[in-house]
Amino acid sequence: MTLRITLKPREQIYIGSARVSVDSESQTRINIDGELPVVREKDYLAADKAITTARKLYLVLQRAYLNNDFDSLSDEYFRLVGMMISTQPAAHTYITAINGKLAEQKLYAALREARTLVQFDEGLVSSGEEAPQWEGF
């Protein structure tokens, strides 16, 4: 199956552990054949920006997705989940949604659910509300 992505000028994407940059002043279309994890620049969280527990959870899930390896990061993930629930019990709804995706071994879907957790943590969405459109990090 081919994944077609159109990138803006100077945009970056992350494919597995590689960063791909567009070195052009025009849009670029790329085709990716195969089953590789892809994260757009707006969805990529740099480690130095992971300053809250919710963002740290997102970072762990991002690493798990890009490396296709949740098992090696599961202890860190569940430690952060415990911290998040103890400080913000209302986050339980979002954590449950993430855990459901992890149980299905859908790492990208879990990462997408983690966006809503970050929005909740940053006051952009209230518990039970639909999250606003994702603007990225």
Protein backbone atom coordinates (compact mmCIF):
# COMPACT_ATOMS: atom_id res chain seq x y z
CA MET A 1 0.00 0.00 0.00
CA THR A 2 1.32 3.42 -0.91
CA LEU A 3 1.04 6.39 1.44
CA ARG A 4 0.98 9.70 -0.42
CA ILE A 5 1.97 12.78 1.53
CA THR A 6 2.11 16.37 0.31
CA LEU A 7 4.61 18.45 2.23
CA LYS A 8 4.78 22.21 2.46
CA PRO A 9 7.99 24.10 1.69
CA ARG A 10 10.60 23.43 4.40
CA GLU A 11 8.28 20.97 6.20
CA GLN A 12 9.71 17.93 7.96
CA ILE A 13 8.32 14.47 8.60
CA TYR A 14 9.64 11.65 10.71
CA ILE A 15 9.74 8.16 9.24
CA GLY A 16 10.80 5.65 11.85
CA SER A 17 13.96 7.06 13.39
CA ALA A 18 14.73 9.26 10.35
CA ARG A 19 13.86 12.91 9.83
CA VAL A 20 13.05 13.88 6.24
CA SER A 21 13.19 17.59 5.34
CA VAL A 22 11.84 19.33 2.25
CA ASP A 23 14.58 21.53 0.84
CA SER A 24 12.36 23.38 -1.59
CA GLU A 25 10.26 26.51 -1.82
CA SER A 26 7.36 24.60 -3.34
CA GLN A 27 5.09 21.79 -2.23
CA THR A 28 6.55 18.33 -2.55
CA ARG A 29 4.63 15.10 -2.91
CA ILE A 30 6.22 11.89 -1.72
CA ASN A 31 5.04 8.32 -1.99
CA ILE A 32 5.99 5.84 0.69
CA ASP A 33 5.66 2.15 -0.06
CA GLY A 34 5.66 -0.21 2.88
CA GLU A 35 4.58 -0.23 6.49
CA LEU A 36 6.63 2.54 8.06
CA PRO A 37 5.59 4.79 10.95
CA VAL A 38 5.21 8.42 9.80
CA VAL A 39 4.72 11.52 11.97
CA ARG A 40 4.31 15.00 10.49
CA GLU A 41 6.34 17.87 11.90
CA LYS A 42 3.31 19.52 13.56
CA ASP A 43 2.59 16.28 15.44
CA TYR A 44 6.19 15.59 16.43
CA LEU A 45 7.08 16.44 20.02
CA ALA A 46 10.75 17.17 20.65
CA ALA A 47 12.04 15.83 23.97
CA ASP A 48 12.87 19.32 25.28
CA LYS A 49 9.20 20.34 24.82
CA ALA A 50 7.91 17.44 26.97
CA ILE A 51 7.60 19.56 30.11
CA THR A 52 4.31 18.23 31.52
CA THR A 53 3.23 14.72 32.43
CA ALA A 54 0.74 14.67 29.54
CA ARG A 55 3.44 15.71 27.09
CA LYS A 56 5.81 13.12 28.52
CA LEU A 57 3.11 10.48 27.95
CA TYR A 58 2.77 11.70 24.37
CA LEU A 59 6.54 11.52 23.92
CA VAL A 60 6.66 7.92 25.19
CA LEU A 61 3.86 6.94 22.80
CA GLN A 62 5.57 8.79 19.95
CA ARG A 63 8.79 6.87 20.57
CA ALA A 64 6.88 3.61 20.81
CA TYR A 65 5.13 4.32 17.51
CA LEU A 66 8.22 5.47 15.59
CA ASN A 67 10.27 2.49 16.85
CA ASN A 68 7.32 0.06 16.72
CA ASP A 69 8.17 -1.02 20.27
CA PHE A 70 5.78 -0.31 23.11
CA ASP A 71 7.08 -3.16 25.27
CA SER A 72 10.42 -1.49 26.05
CA LEU A 73 8.64 1.73 27.06
CA SER A 74 5.64 0.25 28.88
CA ASP A 75 7.12 0.69 32.39
CA GLU A 76 7.76 4.39 31.72
CA TYR A 77 4.30 4.77 30.18
CA PHE A 78 2.48 3.23 33.15
CA ARG A 79 4.59 5.22 35.63
CA LEU A 80 3.51 8.42 33.88
CA VAL A 81 -0.11 7.23 33.73
CA GLY A 82 -0.04 6.77 37.51
CA MET A 83 1.33 10.28 37.96
CA MET A 84 -1.28 11.75 35.61
CA ILE A 85 -4.22 10.02 37.29
CA SER A 86 -3.03 10.97 40.78
CA THR A 87 -2.73 14.66 39.91
CA GLN A 88 -5.66 14.90 37.48
CA PRO A 89 -8.30 12.21 38.11
CA ALA A 90 -10.46 13.64 35.29
CA ALA A 91 -7.77 12.53 32.83
CA HIS A 92 -8.91 8.95 33.43
CA THR A 93 -11.29 9.14 30.44
CA TYR A 94 -8.44 10.03 28.09
CA ILE A 95 -6.09 7.44 29.57
CA THR A 96 -8.77 4.77 29.14
CA ALA A 97 -9.12 5.69 25.45
CA ILE A 98 -5.34 5.49 24.97
CA ASN A 99 -5.14 2.16 26.80
CA GLY A 100 -7.90 0.77 24.61
CA LYS A 101 -5.86 1.55 21.49
CA LEU A 102 -2.74 0.07 23.08
CA ALA A 103 -4.64 -3.12 23.92
CA GLU A 104 -5.53 -3.38 20.22
CA GLN A 105 -1.83 -2.76 19.40
CA LYS A 106 -2.74 0.37 17.46
CA LEU A 107 0.15 2.66 18.37
CA TYR A 108 -0.72 5.46 15.94
CA ALA A 109 -4.31 5.54 17.18
CA ALA A 110 -3.01 5.68 20.77
CA LEU A 111 -0.76 8.59 19.79
CA ARG A 112 -3.75 10.42 18.29
CA GLU A 113 -5.73 9.85 21.51
CA ALA A 114 -2.78 11.27 23.46
CA ARG A 115 -3.19 14.56 21.57
CA THR A 116 -6.57 15.01 23.28
CA LEU A 117 -4.96 14.26 26.65
CA VAL A 118 -2.42 17.03 26.00
CA GLN A 119 -5.22 19.40 25.00
CA PHE A 120 -7.11 18.52 28.19
CA ASP A 121 -3.99 19.01 30.31
CA GLU A 122 -3.33 22.40 28.73
CA GLY A 123 -6.90 23.56 29.32
CA LEU A 124 -7.90 23.50 25.66
CA VAL A 125 -10.68 20.97 26.21
CA SER A 126 -12.84 20.11 29.23
CA SER A 127 -13.63 16.57 30.28
CA GLY A 128 -16.32 15.13 28.04
CA GLU A 129 -16.02 17.85 25.39
CA GLU A 130 -14.97 17.25 21.84
CA ALA A 131 -11.38 18.37 21.30
CA PRO A 132 -10.75 21.34 19.04
CA GLN A 133 -8.80 20.85 15.83
CA TRP A 134 -5.22 19.88 16.57
CA GLU A 135 -2.80 22.73 15.91
CA GLY A 136 0.33 20.78 16.79
CA PHE A 137 3.19 21.46 19.12
